[in-house]
Amino acid sequence: MSKSTFNLRSVLPTLLPFCFGFLLLLLAAGASVFYIDQRLSYLTIGLLSISATFLIILLGMLITYRFSNTKADIVTPLREATPASVDASFELSRWKRLATVTFVMIASLSFIGGSNYLANNSTLRWDITKDKQHTLSTNTVEFIRVLERQVQLTAFYVGAPPKYLQDLFKEYERTSGGLVMTEIIDPIEQVAYAAKFGNVINSQEQKVIVQSGNTRKDVDFTQESLSEERLTNAIASVSRTQKTAYFLTGHGEYSMLNEDNTGLSTLSQLLADNNILSKPLMLGISQSIPQDCDVLIIAGPKNQLTQDEEALIADYLSKGGDALFLIEHTLVSTADKPLSAEQLQKNPDLNSLLNKWGLNVESDIVVDLTSHVGDDVGSPATKNYQNHKAITEGLDYTFYVRPRSITLLENRRPNIKHAVIASTASTTNSWAETNRNLDVKFDENEDRAGPIALSYVVIDEKNTQNMKGGKTSDTRLIVFTDADFLTNVYIDQYSNAQMGLNIVNWLSELDYKTFLGDKKMAVERLDLTSKQKRQVIVVLFFLPFSFIIVGLIIWLRIRYNATIK
């Protein structure tokens, strides 16, 4: 036989790695085409059959040559010619490489398995989306984790639901520990099931039905994306006991129905979102405070209350009623235009009611040269809050328009507890200005230096039992010397809205956090068909698989080269 005769035994170790890697890629390609198309096409059959056939032939050849010539190893044909010491060294080197490969494989599998386990079970999240659409807010997480009743979320969406909706539902389920159950159904495909929820079969309508027990609330998100706040508020409304806040009317108060800048309609809506119903109350007509009144809100009356009305409010408080007083500012003028007797009676301080609870609202204006809104030193902005978790925790600045100062009376009942809610922070640049002629200048003989209290909380703990739920009938009272900070024009600035919600919530004797609808989600997404999703999965699979095949080829080549050297 001539020297040019083809020697399969010598060529096979060189071609083996490439053939083996190519056939594995061919087999994976055939399986991928079948997975994407979900059917057996000619291409799929051809790829699978060719790759499987040649893999079997290749393995058969390898086994045949391996056992037909035990002295001439197919992979290491020159091994017999090497000395014993070299052979022993090669064996040791081969075992080291085998151990290294085994370690790398075990480490890789452990990393992949551990990563998937942590991704599905760990509470740690890193949300890098612009609107944090995969992360629930702290308020929502704290609320969901203390739910005591099961809540069912059923979303009606025609067609493939958006990814953000699926992710949002998964976060609620994960955070609640099973108390929140979710489902997304197509009312067109699942007509019978959808009919159980009433008239919701509408291809143009998208909604979530939130249910807890016999209570239900529908949240429509046809026109805009479903936000976390709207969904959390809906869960709160079906899982909490509804409270009622009555707004006093008839004395020029700020109206809960007024949608202008000076109205309180935004506050009323925020209360409704937190399951607190707002109602007007005209004492001059009703001559009583309703039994279902959980909080009485007196929002900046311009005129004096009658003695009968004050007597009704005093009786309500003495029996354990809760109230929020928002006192409006003292009227001011210039020296050449003195205030009339009628003007001096405007914006009453209501001290005839508050003095009984140890508080006195002064006829002054609190100014702060260091921290104020715009150029108005008479509109102090502050973060100087008393440590009251339910009311002030987590608040940013709040500001107040021409507030008055509040002082504690020396002769007050010892069983009543008092605490400042917010006050100015500066001791040198803030004070209670008594000059009502707009001459803003600190007079140590007339004015009180800061910090100046702008609001107080009062609580009278009683031993008597309330008829409602057997709870103690404590009187809770909060006084702010400004009502403007909760009006429509100012409520959305800084933490004014959160402060307003917190104080009404605390007065309602509800131990949960309130929620603001301030997180608007602009959803920018790519909706894929099921086939496109499978294509993406295949691409993601082939990237690491290709690296594995290339690494296997290189490793086999290195092993062969090391053997023949």
Protein backbone atom coordinates (compact mmCIF):
# COMPACT_ATOMS: atom_id res chain seq x y z
CA MET A 1 0.00 0.00 0.00
CA SER A 2 1.44 3.38 -0.99
CA LYS A 3 2.19 6.22 1.47
CA SER A 4 -0.72 8.22 0.07
CA THR A 5 -3.17 5.56 1.15
CA PHE A 6 -5.96 7.05 3.27
CA ASN A 7 -5.56 6.06 6.95
CA LEU A 8 -8.92 6.42 8.66
CA ARG A 9 -7.47 5.63 12.09
CA SER A 10 -5.10 8.58 11.94
CA VAL A 11 -7.61 11.00 10.45
CA LEU A 12 -10.56 10.11 12.68
CA PRO A 13 -9.24 11.79 15.87
CA THR A 14 -8.76 15.03 13.91
CA LEU A 15 -12.22 15.03 12.35
CA LEU A 16 -14.04 13.65 15.40
CA PRO A 17 -14.47 16.93 17.34
CA PHE A 18 -15.71 18.86 14.30
CA CYS A 19 -18.08 16.13 13.15
CA PHE A 20 -19.44 15.61 16.63
CA GLY A 21 -20.02 19.35 17.20
CA PHE A 22 -21.58 19.86 13.76
CA LEU A 23 -24.00 16.96 14.22
CA LEU A 24 -25.06 18.23 17.66
CA LEU A 25 -25.78 21.68 16.19
CA LEU A 26 -27.71 20.03 13.34
CA LEU A 27 -29.78 18.01 15.82
CA ALA A 28 -30.49 21.13 17.92
CA ALA A 29 -31.49 23.04 14.77
CA GLY A 30 -34.01 20.37 13.82
CA ALA A 31 -35.50 20.33 17.33
CA SER A 32 -35.70 24.14 17.28
CA VAL A 33 -37.54 24.25 13.95
CA PHE A 34 -40.05 21.74 15.29
CA TYR A 35 -40.51 23.77 18.51
CA ILE A 36 -41.09 27.00 16.59
CA ASP A 37 -43.48 25.59 13.95
CA GLN A 38 -45.15 23.12 16.34
CA ARG A 39 -45.36 20.56 13.47
CA LEU A 40 -43.20 18.06 11.59
CA SER A 41 -42.18 19.65 8.30
CA TYR A 42 -39.85 18.16 5.66
CA LEU A 43 -37.06 20.40 6.93
CA THR A 44 -37.57 19.23 10.50
CA ILE A 45 -37.66 15.55 9.53
CA GLY A 46 -34.57 15.94 7.34
CA LEU A 47 -32.50 17.72 9.99
CA LEU A 48 -33.47 15.33 12.77
CA SER A 49 -33.02 12.15 10.71
CA ILE A 50 -29.68 13.16 9.12
CA SER A 51 -28.15 14.37 12.38
CA ALA A 52 -29.40 11.38 14.39
CA THR A 53 -28.26 8.87 11.73
CA PHE A 54 -24.74 10.22 11.42
CA LEU A 55 -24.41 10.56 15.21
CA ILE A 56 -25.26 6.87 15.54
CA ILE A 57 -22.79 5.98 12.75
CA LEU A 58 -20.09 8.12 14.35
CA LEU A 59 -20.59 6.55 17.76
CA GLY A 60 -20.62 3.09 16.15
CA MET A 61 -17.33 3.74 14.39
CA LEU A 62 -15.81 5.03 17.60
CA ILE A 63 -16.90 1.95 19.55
CA THR A 64 -15.72 -0.42 16.78
CA TYR A 65 -12.27 1.05 16.54
CA ARG A 66 -12.01 1.33 20.30
CA PHE A 67 -12.55 -2.37 20.94
CA SER A 68 -10.97 -3.80 17.75
CA ASN A 69 -7.56 -2.49 18.62
CA THR A 70 -7.02 -2.19 22.34
CA LYS A 71 -3.32 -1.45 21.89
CA ALA A 72 -3.88 1.35 19.43
CA ASP A 73 -6.18 3.92 21.01
CA ILE A 74 -8.14 5.83 18.36
CA VAL A 75 -7.75 9.13 20.13
CA THR A 76 -4.11 8.55 21.12
CA PRO A 77 -2.46 6.42 18.39
CA LEU A 78 1.06 7.13 19.53
CA ARG A 79 0.50 6.36 23.19
CA GLU A 80 2.36 2.94 23.00
CA ALA A 81 5.56 4.63 21.82
CA THR A 82 5.79 6.91 24.80
CA PRO A 83 7.87 5.98 27.87
CA ALA A 84 6.17 4.81 31.04
CA SER A 85 6.93 8.04 32.86
CA VAL A 86 5.44 10.11 30.05
CA ASP A 87 2.42 7.81 29.98
CA ALA A 88 1.93 8.24 33.74
CA SER A 89 2.29 11.99 33.38
CA PHE A 90 -0.27 11.99 30.60
CA GLU A 91 -2.71 9.96 32.72
CA LEU A 92 -2.34 12.46 35.58
CA SER A 93 -2.81 15.38 33.20
CA ARG A 94 -5.89 13.76 31.68
CA TRP A 95 -7.45 13.23 35.12
CA LYS A 96 -6.75 16.87 36.02
CA ARG A 97 -8.47 18.05 32.84
CA LEU A 98 -11.37 15.71 33.53
CA ALA A 99 -11.69 17.06 37.06
CA THR A 100 -11.53 20.64 35.75
CA VAL A 101 -14.25 20.00 33.17
CA THR A 102 -16.41 18.26 35.77
CA PHE A 103 -15.98 21.13 38.20
CA VAL A 104 -16.86 23.71 35.52
CA MET A 105 -19.98 21.76 34.52
CA ILE A 106 -21.14 21.37 38.13
CA ALA A 107 -20.45 25.05 38.86
CA SER A 108 -22.32 26.12 35.71
CA LEU A 109 -25.34 23.97 36.50
CA SER A 110 -25.33 25.20 40.10
CA PHE A 111 -25.17 28.81 38.92
CA ILE A 112 -28.04 28.36 36.45
CA GLY A 113 -30.17 26.46 38.95
CA GLY A 114 -29.41 28.85 41.80
CA SER A 115 -30.12 31.90 39.62
CA ASN A 116 -33.51 30.53 38.57
CA TYR A 117 -34.38 29.60 42.15
CA LEU A 118 -33.49 33.06 43.47
CA ALA A 119 -35.33 34.76 40.60
CA ASN A 120 -38.54 32.95 41.50
CA ASN A 121 -38.28 32.79 45.28
CA SER A 122 -36.13 35.67 46.48
CA THR A 123 -37.83 38.88 47.63
CA LEU A 124 -34.92 40.96 46.37
CA ARG A 125 -35.71 42.86 43.18
CA TRP A 126 -33.79 45.29 41.01
CA ASP A 127 -36.20 47.15 38.78
CA ILE A 128 -34.42 49.21 36.13
CA THR A 129 -37.55 50.18 34.17
CA LYS A 130 -38.27 53.89 33.88
CA ASP A 131 -41.64 53.73 35.68
CA LYS A 132 -40.67 50.92 38.09
CA GLN A 133 -43.45 48.84 36.57
CA HIS A 134 -42.10 45.60 38.09
CA THR A 135 -41.86 46.96 41.64
CA LEU A 136 -44.68 47.64 44.07
CA SER A 137 -44.38 50.76 46.19
CA THR A 138 -43.50 50.50 49.88
CA ASN A 139 -47.03 51.53 50.88
CA THR A 140 -48.58 48.82 48.73
CA VAL A 141 -46.18 46.14 49.98
CA GLU A 142 -46.88 47.02 53.62
CA PHE A 143 -50.62 47.02 53.00
CA ILE A 144 -50.71 43.77 51.01
CA ARG A 145 -48.62 41.90 53.58
CA VAL A 146 -51.13 42.59 56.38
CA LEU A 147 -54.25 41.66 54.44
CA GLU A 148 -56.62 39.55 56.49
CA ARG A 149 -59.14 38.68 53.79
CA GLN A 150 -58.71 36.91 50.47
CA VAL A 151 -58.99 39.11 47.39
CA GLN A 152 -59.68 37.91 43.84
CA LEU A 153 -58.47 39.98 40.87
CA THR A 154 -60.10 39.08 37.55
CA ALA A 155 -58.92 41.00 34.50
CA PHE A 156 -60.99 41.01 31.31
CA TYR A 157 -58.82 41.56 28.26
CA VAL A 158 -59.61 40.55 24.69
CA GLY A 159 -56.59 39.01 22.98
CA ALA A 160 -53.11 38.55 24.35
CA PRO A 161 -52.82 40.50 27.64
CA PRO A 162 -49.99 43.04 27.94
CA LYS A 163 -46.85 41.94 29.73
CA TYR A 164 -47.04 44.76 32.30
CA LEU A 165 -50.46 43.49 33.45
CA GLN A 166 -49.16 39.94 33.90
CA ASP A 167 -46.12 41.21 35.82
CA LEU A 168 -48.27 43.43 38.03
CA PHE A 169 -50.57 40.55 38.95
CA LYS A 170 -47.60 38.28 39.70
CA GLU A 171 -46.16 40.88 42.11
CA TYR A 172 -49.44 41.11 44.01
CA GLU A 173 -49.63 37.33 44.28
CA ARG A 174 -46.01 37.01 45.39
CA THR A 175 -46.23 39.81 47.96
CA SER A 176 -49.53 38.67 49.48
CA GLY A 177 -48.38 35.13 50.15
CA GLY A 178 -51.48 33.67 48.51
CA LEU A 179 -54.17 36.03 49.84
CA VAL A 180 -54.39 37.82 46.48
CA MET A 181 -55.39 35.52 43.63
CA THR A 182 -55.34 36.72 40.04
CA GLU A 183 -56.57 35.63 36.63
CA ILE A 184 -56.70 37.17 33.16
CA ILE A 185 -59.47 35.94 30.87
CA ASP A 186 -60.65 36.70 27.38
CA PRO A 187 -64.42 37.37 27.67
CA ILE A 188 -64.92 36.51 24.01
CA GLU A 189 -63.27 33.08 24.22
CA GLN A 190 -64.58 32.34 27.72
CA VAL A 191 -68.12 33.62 27.35
CA ALA A 192 -69.71 31.26 29.85
CA TYR A 193 -67.23 32.09 32.57
CA ALA A 194 -67.41 35.82 31.87
CA ALA A 195 -71.19 35.77 32.13
CA LYS A 196 -70.86 35.00 35.86
CA PHE A 197 -69.55 38.54 36.37
CA GLY A 198 -72.46 40.28 34.66
CA ASN A 199 -72.46 42.42 31.56
CA VAL A 200 -68.72 42.57 30.90
CA ILE A 201 -68.48 40.99 27.44
CA ASN A 202 -67.27 43.95 25.44
CA SER A 203 -64.36 43.72 23.01
CA GLN A 204 -63.62 47.43 23.46
CA GLU A 205 -63.60 47.40 27.26
CA GLN A 206 -60.76 46.40 29.56
CA LYS A 207 -61.39 46.10 33.27
CA VAL A 208 -60.35 44.40 36.49
CA ILE A 209 -62.99 43.10 38.87
CA VAL A 210 -61.76 43.18 42.46
CA GLN A 211 -63.70 40.98 44.89
CA SER A 212 -63.41 40.17 48.57
CA GLY A 213 -66.29 38.29 50.14
CA ASN A 214 -69.50 39.88 48.88
CA THR A 215 -67.86 43.22 48.10
CA ARG A 216 -66.90 44.07 44.54
CA LYS A 217 -65.29 47.00 42.76
CA ASP A 218 -64.69 47.40 39.01
CA VAL A 219 -61.59 49.20 37.73
CA ASP A 220 -61.73 50.26 34.07
CA PHE A 221 -58.40 50.69 32.27
CA THR A 222 -59.64 50.97 28.69
CA GLN A 223 -58.36 54.51 28.15
CA GLU A 224 -55.16 54.31 30.20
CA SER A 225 -52.88 51.64 31.59
CA LEU A 226 -53.84 50.03 34.88
CA SER A 227 -51.77 51.70 37.61
CA GLU A 228 -50.66 50.17 40.87
CA GLU A 229 -52.37 52.91 42.88
CA ARG A 230 -55.78 52.35 41.29
CA LEU A 231 -55.53 48.62 41.85
CA THR A 232 -54.35 48.98 45.46
CA ASN A 233 -57.10 51.48 46.21
CA ALA A 234 -59.65 49.05 44.79
CA ILE A 235 -58.28 46.23 46.96
CA ALA A 236 -58.45 48.53 49.97
CA SER A 237 -62.05 49.49 49.24
CA VAL A 238 -63.25 45.87 49.13
CA SER A 239 -61.15 44.61 52.05
CA ARG A 240 -61.66 47.46 54.53
CA THR A 241 -64.61 48.75 56.47
CA GLN A 242 -65.90 51.96 54.90
CA LYS A 243 -65.72 55.12 57.00
CA THR A 244 -67.66 58.38 56.63
CA ALA A 245 -66.34 61.93 56.91
CA TYR A 246 -68.82 64.80 57.21
CA PHE A 247 -67.79 68.26 55.98
CA LEU A 248 -69.47 71.09 57.89
CA THR A 249 -71.23 73.65 55.64
CA GLY A 250 -73.20 76.85 56.03
CA HIS A 251 -70.46 79.18 57.31
CA GLY A 252 -68.44 79.83 54.17
CA GLU A 253 -66.32 76.68 54.56
CA TYR A 254 -64.26 75.22 51.75
CA SER A 255 -66.57 72.88 49.85
CA MET A 256 -65.91 69.20 49.15
CA LEU A 257 -67.95 69.58 45.94
CA ASN A 258 -66.13 72.62 44.57
CA GLU A 259 -63.76 71.72 41.72
CA ASP A 260 -62.21 75.19 41.49
CA ASN A 261 -58.84 76.11 42.98
CA THR A 262 -60.41 76.90 46.35
CA GLY A 263 -62.42 73.67 46.54
CA LEU A 264 -61.72 70.38 48.31
CA SER A 265 -62.96 68.04 45.58
CA THR A 266 -59.49 66.51 45.09
CA LEU A 267 -59.26 65.72 48.80
CA SER A 268 -62.74 64.21 48.69
CA GLN A 269 -61.73 61.98 45.77
CA LEU A 270 -58.55 60.86 47.54
CA LEU A 271 -60.61 59.97 50.59
CA ALA A 272 -63.00 57.99 48.39
CA ASP A 273 -60.05 56.11 46.90
CA ASN A 274 -59.15 55.12 50.45
CA ASN A 275 -62.69 53.95 51.25
CA ILE A 276 -63.65 57.06 53.23
CA LEU A 277 -66.97 58.47 52.04
CA SER A 278 -67.41 62.26 52.14
CA LYS A 279 -70.76 63.89 52.91
CA PRO A 280 -71.84 67.50 53.56
CA LEU A 281 -73.40 68.44 56.90
CA MET A 282 -75.41 71.58 57.61
CA LEU A 283 -76.01 71.61 61.35
CA GLY A 284 -78.43 74.51 61.09
CA ILE A 285 -80.86 72.19 59.31
CA SER A 286 -80.08 68.73 60.66
CA GLN A 287 -79.72 69.90 64.27
CA SER A 288 -77.61 66.79 64.96
CA ILE A 289 -74.44 65.02 63.93
CA PRO A 290 -75.28 61.70 62.20
CA GLN A 291 -74.56 58.45 64.01
CA ASP A 292 -72.39 57.20 61.14
CA CYS A 293 -70.04 60.19 61.37
CA ASP A 294 -66.50 58.85 61.86
CA VAL A 295 -64.77 62.21 61.32
CA LEU A 296 -66.21 65.71 61.43
CA ILE A 297 -64.24 68.11 59.22
CA ILE A 298 -64.57 71.86 59.79
CA ALA A 299 -62.67 73.30 56.83
CA GLY A 300 -61.98 77.02 57.23
CA PRO A 301 -65.31 78.63 58.17
CA LYS A 302 -65.44 82.31 57.21
CA ASN A 303 -68.22 83.14 59.68
CA GLN A 304 -68.96 82.33 63.30
CA LEU A 305 -70.86 79.20 64.25
CA THR A 306 -74.04 79.65 66.25
CA GLN A 307 -74.11 78.72 69.92
CA ASP A 308 -76.44 75.81 69.18
CA GLU A 309 -74.05 74.47 66.55
CA GLU A 310 -71.08 74.78 68.89
CA ALA A 311 -73.07 72.98 71.59
CA LEU A 312 -73.79 70.09 69.19
CA ILE A 313 -70.09 69.82 68.24
CA ALA A 314 -68.98 70.02 71.88
CA ASP A 315 -71.40 67.23 72.81
CA TYR A 316 -70.19 65.13 69.86
CA LEU A 317 -66.56 65.49 70.99
CA SER A 318 -67.32 64.79 74.64
CA LYS A 319 -68.95 61.49 73.67
CA GLY A 320 -65.87 60.29 71.82
CA GLY A 321 -66.33 61.92 68.42
CA ASP A 322 -63.32 62.69 66.23
CA ALA A 323 -62.83 65.98 64.39
CA LEU A 324 -60.46 67.89 62.13
CA PHE A 325 -60.35 71.68 62.56
CA LEU A 326 -58.84 73.70 59.71
CA ILE A 327 -58.69 77.31 60.94
CA GLU A 328 -58.18 80.01 58.35
CA HIS A 329 -55.68 82.88 58.58
CA THR A 330 -56.04 86.17 60.40
CA LEU A 331 -57.04 89.03 58.11
CA VAL A 332 -54.33 91.68 57.62
CA SER A 333 -54.24 95.14 56.09
CA THR A 334 -52.03 98.21 55.81
CA ALA A 335 -51.85 100.94 58.42
CA ASP A 336 -53.82 103.39 56.28
CA LYS A 337 -56.66 100.88 55.81
CA PRO A 338 -57.62 99.57 59.24
CA LEU A 339 -59.81 96.46 59.46
CA SER A 340 -63.50 96.99 60.21
CA ALA A 341 -65.29 95.30 63.11
CA GLU A 342 -66.98 92.95 60.62
CA GLN A 343 -63.64 92.00 59.06
CA LEU A 344 -62.18 91.29 62.46
CA GLN A 345 -64.91 88.68 62.96
CA LYS A 346 -64.04 86.86 59.72
CA ASN A 347 -62.20 83.53 59.83
CA PRO A 348 -63.11 82.74 63.45
CA ASP A 349 -60.52 80.95 65.60
CA LEU A 350 -63.13 78.58 67.16
CA ASN A 351 -61.38 78.94 70.50
CA SER A 352 -64.74 78.64 72.24
CA LEU A 353 -64.55 74.95 71.23
CA LEU A 354 -60.80 74.41 71.29
CA ASN A 355 -60.11 75.98 74.69
CA LYS A 356 -62.00 73.10 76.30
CA TRP A 357 -59.34 70.81 74.86
CA GLY A 358 -56.37 72.87 76.05
CA LEU A 359 -55.60 74.65 72.76
CA ASN A 360 -55.68 78.31 71.84
CA VAL A 361 -55.39 79.65 68.28
CA GLU A 362 -53.67 83.04 68.26
CA SER A 363 -54.49 86.10 66.13
CA ASP A 364 -51.12 86.30 64.41
CA ILE A 365 -49.30 85.13 61.29
CA VAL A 366 -46.42 82.66 61.34
CA VAL A 367 -43.50 83.82 59.19
CA ASP A 368 -40.32 81.99 58.28
CA LEU A 369 -37.48 83.84 56.57
CA THR A 370 -35.48 80.64 56.03
CA SER A 371 -37.97 78.14 54.61
CA HIS A 372 -41.04 79.38 52.75
CA VAL A 373 -42.83 78.97 49.42
CA GLY A 374 -42.00 81.46 46.67
CA ASP A 375 -41.42 84.99 47.94
CA ASP A 376 -44.07 84.81 50.65
CA VAL A 377 -42.40 84.56 54.07
CA GLY A 378 -45.91 84.11 55.45
CA SER A 379 -46.20 80.69 53.75
CA PRO A 380 -43.73 78.57 55.72
CA ALA A 381 -42.57 75.20 54.36
CA THR A 382 -41.43 72.69 56.94
CA LYS A 383 -40.24 69.16 57.59
CA ASN A 384 -40.10 69.73 61.33
CA TYR A 385 -42.58 67.07 62.40
CA GLN A 386 -43.24 65.44 65.73
CA ASN A 387 -42.50 61.72 65.76
CA HIS A 388 -46.00 60.44 65.03
CA LYS A 389 -45.68 57.35 62.83
CA ALA A 390 -49.24 57.18 61.56
CA ILE A 391 -49.28 60.85 60.54
CA THR A 392 -45.81 62.13 59.70
CA GLU A 393 -43.65 59.13 58.84
CA GLY A 394 -42.04 59.43 55.40
CA LEU A 395 -43.40 62.93 54.66
CA ASP A 396 -41.45 65.45 52.65
CA TYR A 397 -42.08 69.18 53.04
CA THR A 398 -45.57 70.51 53.65
CA PHE A 399 -46.39 74.20 53.41
CA TYR A 400 -49.13 76.42 54.77
CA VAL A 401 -50.59 79.73 53.59
CA ARG A 402 -50.63 82.44 56.29
CA PRO A 403 -51.01 80.00 59.22
CA ARG A 404 -51.56 81.11 62.80
CA SER A 405 -49.72 79.87 65.84
CA ILE A 406 -51.20 77.50 68.40
CA THR A 407 -50.41 77.59 72.10
CA LEU A 408 -51.24 75.28 74.98
CA LEU A 409 -53.34 76.65 77.81
CA GLU A 410 -51.87 76.35 81.26
CA ASN A 411 -55.16 75.41 82.86
CA ARG A 412 -56.03 72.32 80.86
CA ARG A 413 -57.33 68.94 81.83
CA PRO A 414 -54.45 66.67 82.89
CA ASN A 415 -55.94 63.53 81.31
CA ILE A 416 -55.75 65.01 77.78
CA LYS A 417 -52.62 64.33 75.74
CA HIS A 418 -51.23 66.96 73.35
CA ALA A 419 -48.51 66.75 70.70
CA VAL A 420 -47.30 69.08 67.96
CA ILE A 421 -47.66 67.71 64.43
CA ALA A 422 -45.79 70.35 62.40
CA SER A 423 -43.91 73.47 63.34
CA THR A 424 -41.34 75.83 61.87
CA ALA A 425 -37.75 74.68 62.23
CA SER A 426 -35.84 77.93 62.62
CA THR A 427 -35.31 79.42 66.08
CA THR A 428 -33.98 82.76 64.85
CA ASN A 429 -35.65 83.36 61.48
CA SER A 430 -39.23 82.26 62.23
CA TRP A 431 -41.73 83.77 64.64
CA ALA A 432 -45.41 84.51 65.26
CA GLU A 433 -45.96 88.00 63.84
CA THR A 434 -48.62 89.94 65.78
CA ASN A 435 -48.51 93.04 63.61
CA ARG A 436 -51.50 92.88 61.27
CA ASN A 437 -50.41 95.84 59.15
CA LEU A 438 -47.96 93.84 57.01
CA ASP A 439 -44.94 95.22 58.84
CA VAL A 440 -42.96 91.98 59.04
CA LYS A 441 -40.29 92.52 61.65
CA PHE A 442 -39.50 90.55 64.78
CA ASP A 443 -40.39 92.39 67.98
CA GLU A 444 -39.15 90.47 70.99
CA ASN A 445 -41.66 92.28 73.22
CA GLU A 446 -44.68 91.33 71.08
CA ASP A 447 -43.75 88.35 68.94
CA ARG A 448 -42.88 84.77 69.88
CA ALA A 449 -39.70 83.32 68.43
CA GLY A 450 -39.68 79.95 66.68
CA PRO A 451 -40.09 77.09 66.44
CA ILE A 452 -43.80 77.90 66.12
CA ALA A 453 -46.43 75.15 66.23
CA LEU A 454 -48.74 75.13 63.19
CA SER A 455 -50.81 72.08 64.14
CA TYR A 456 -51.65 69.95 67.15
CA VAL A 457 -53.07 66.53 67.86
CA VAL A 458 -55.21 65.96 70.96
CA ILE A 459 -56.39 62.65 72.34
CA ASP A 460 -58.64 61.99 75.31
CA GLU A 461 -58.51 58.32 76.25
CA LYS A 462 -61.68 57.18 77.95
CA ASN A 463 -62.53 54.00 79.81
CA THR A 464 -66.05 53.72 78.47
CA GLN A 465 -66.86 51.24 75.74
CA ASN A 466 -68.13 52.31 72.37
CA MET A 467 -71.19 50.55 70.99
CA LYS A 468 -69.35 50.04 67.69
CA GLY A 469 -67.15 46.97 67.86
CA GLY A 470 -66.44 47.23 71.60
CA LYS A 471 -63.57 49.69 71.14
CA THR A 472 -62.79 52.45 73.60
CA SER A 473 -64.49 55.69 72.62
CA ASP A 474 -61.44 57.95 72.58
CA THR A 475 -61.78 61.53 71.41
CA ARG A 476 -59.29 62.36 68.68
CA LEU A 477 -58.84 65.96 67.65
CA ILE A 478 -56.47 67.55 65.13
CA VAL A 479 -56.12 71.28 64.54
CA PHE A 480 -54.32 72.94 61.62
CA THR A 481 -54.25 76.73 61.34
CA ASP A 482 -54.62 76.62 57.58
CA ALA A 483 -57.10 75.07 55.18
CA ASP A 484 -55.55 76.28 51.91
CA PHE A 485 -52.86 73.56 51.87
CA LEU A 486 -55.58 70.96 51.16
CA THR A 487 -57.41 72.91 48.45
CA ASN A 488 -57.28 71.79 44.84
CA VAL A 489 -54.60 74.29 43.87
CA TYR A 490 -52.10 73.25 46.56
CA ILE A 491 -52.92 69.68 47.59
CA ASP A 492 -50.73 68.01 44.95
CA GLN A 493 -47.64 69.98 45.92
CA TYR A 494 -44.94 68.51 48.16
CA SER A 495 -46.50 66.13 50.75
CA ASN A 496 -49.67 68.14 51.35
CA ALA A 497 -51.97 65.41 50.02
CA GLN A 498 -50.30 62.69 52.06
CA MET A 499 -50.54 64.81 55.19
CA GLY A 500 -54.26 65.40 54.59
CA LEU A 501 -54.95 61.72 54.01
CA ASN A 502 -52.89 60.64 57.00
CA ILE A 503 -54.69 62.90 59.46
CA VAL A 504 -58.17 61.89 58.29
CA ASN A 505 -57.11 58.25 58.29
CA TRP A 506 -55.80 58.49 61.86
CA LEU A 507 -58.91 60.29 63.05
CA SER A 508 -60.96 57.45 61.55
CA GLU A 509 -59.05 55.12 63.85
CA LEU A 510 -57.91 52.97 60.96
CA ASP A 511 -54.47 51.42 61.25
CA TYR A 512 -53.39 51.34 57.65
CA LYS A 513 -51.52 53.59 55.29
CA THR A 514 -53.22 55.78 52.74
CA PHE A 515 -52.48 55.74 49.02
CA LEU A 516 -51.99 58.49 46.49
CA GLY A 517 -52.68 58.12 42.79
CA ASP A 518 -49.43 59.77 41.73
CA LYS A 519 -47.70 56.99 39.77
CA LYS A 520 -48.72 57.11 36.13
CA MET A 521 -47.32 54.29 34.04
CA ALA A 522 -46.46 54.99 30.42
CA VAL A 523 -46.31 51.50 28.95
CA GLU A 524 -43.93 51.05 26.05
CA ARG A 525 -43.93 47.40 25.15
CA LEU A 526 -43.37 44.95 22.31
CA ASP A 527 -46.18 42.41 22.03
CA LEU A 528 -45.00 39.17 20.40
CA THR A 529 -47.00 36.37 18.90
CA SER A 530 -46.60 32.90 20.38
CA LYS A 531 -44.39 31.88 17.45
CA GLN A 532 -42.20 34.96 17.85
CA LYS A 533 -41.83 34.18 21.55
CA ARG A 534 -40.66 30.66 20.68
CA GLN A 535 -38.18 32.14 18.21
CA VAL A 536 -36.78 34.35 20.94
CA ILE A 537 -36.48 31.34 23.26
CA VAL A 538 -34.60 29.40 20.57
CA VAL A 539 -32.19 32.29 20.00
CA LEU A 540 -31.57 32.55 23.73
CA PHE A 541 -30.97 28.78 23.82
CA PHE A 542 -28.61 28.69 20.83
CA LEU A 543 -26.31 31.39 22.16
CA PRO A 544 -25.04 29.41 25.17
CA PHE A 545 -25.41 26.07 23.32
CA SER A 546 -23.14 27.29 20.52
CA PHE A 547 -20.52 28.34 23.04
CA ILE A 548 -20.73 24.89 24.63
CA ILE A 549 -20.20 23.14 21.27
CA VAL A 550 -17.26 25.38 20.35
CA GLY A 551 -15.75 24.78 23.77
CA LEU A 552 -16.21 21.02 23.36
CA ILE A 553 -14.49 21.06 19.96
CA ILE A 554 -11.56 23.07 21.30
CA TRP A 555 -11.24 20.79 24.33
CA LEU A 556 -11.19 17.64 22.17
CA ARG A 557 -8.61 19.17 19.85
CA ILE A 558 -6.37 20.18 22.75
CA ARG A 559 -6.69 16.71 24.25
CA TYR A 560 -5.70 15.07 20.97
CA ASN A 561 -2.75 17.41 20.39
CA ALA A 562 -1.51 16.81 23.93
CA THR A 563 -1.72 13.09 23.32
CA ILE A 564 0.40 12.95 20.17
CA LYS A 565 3.12 15.30 21.46
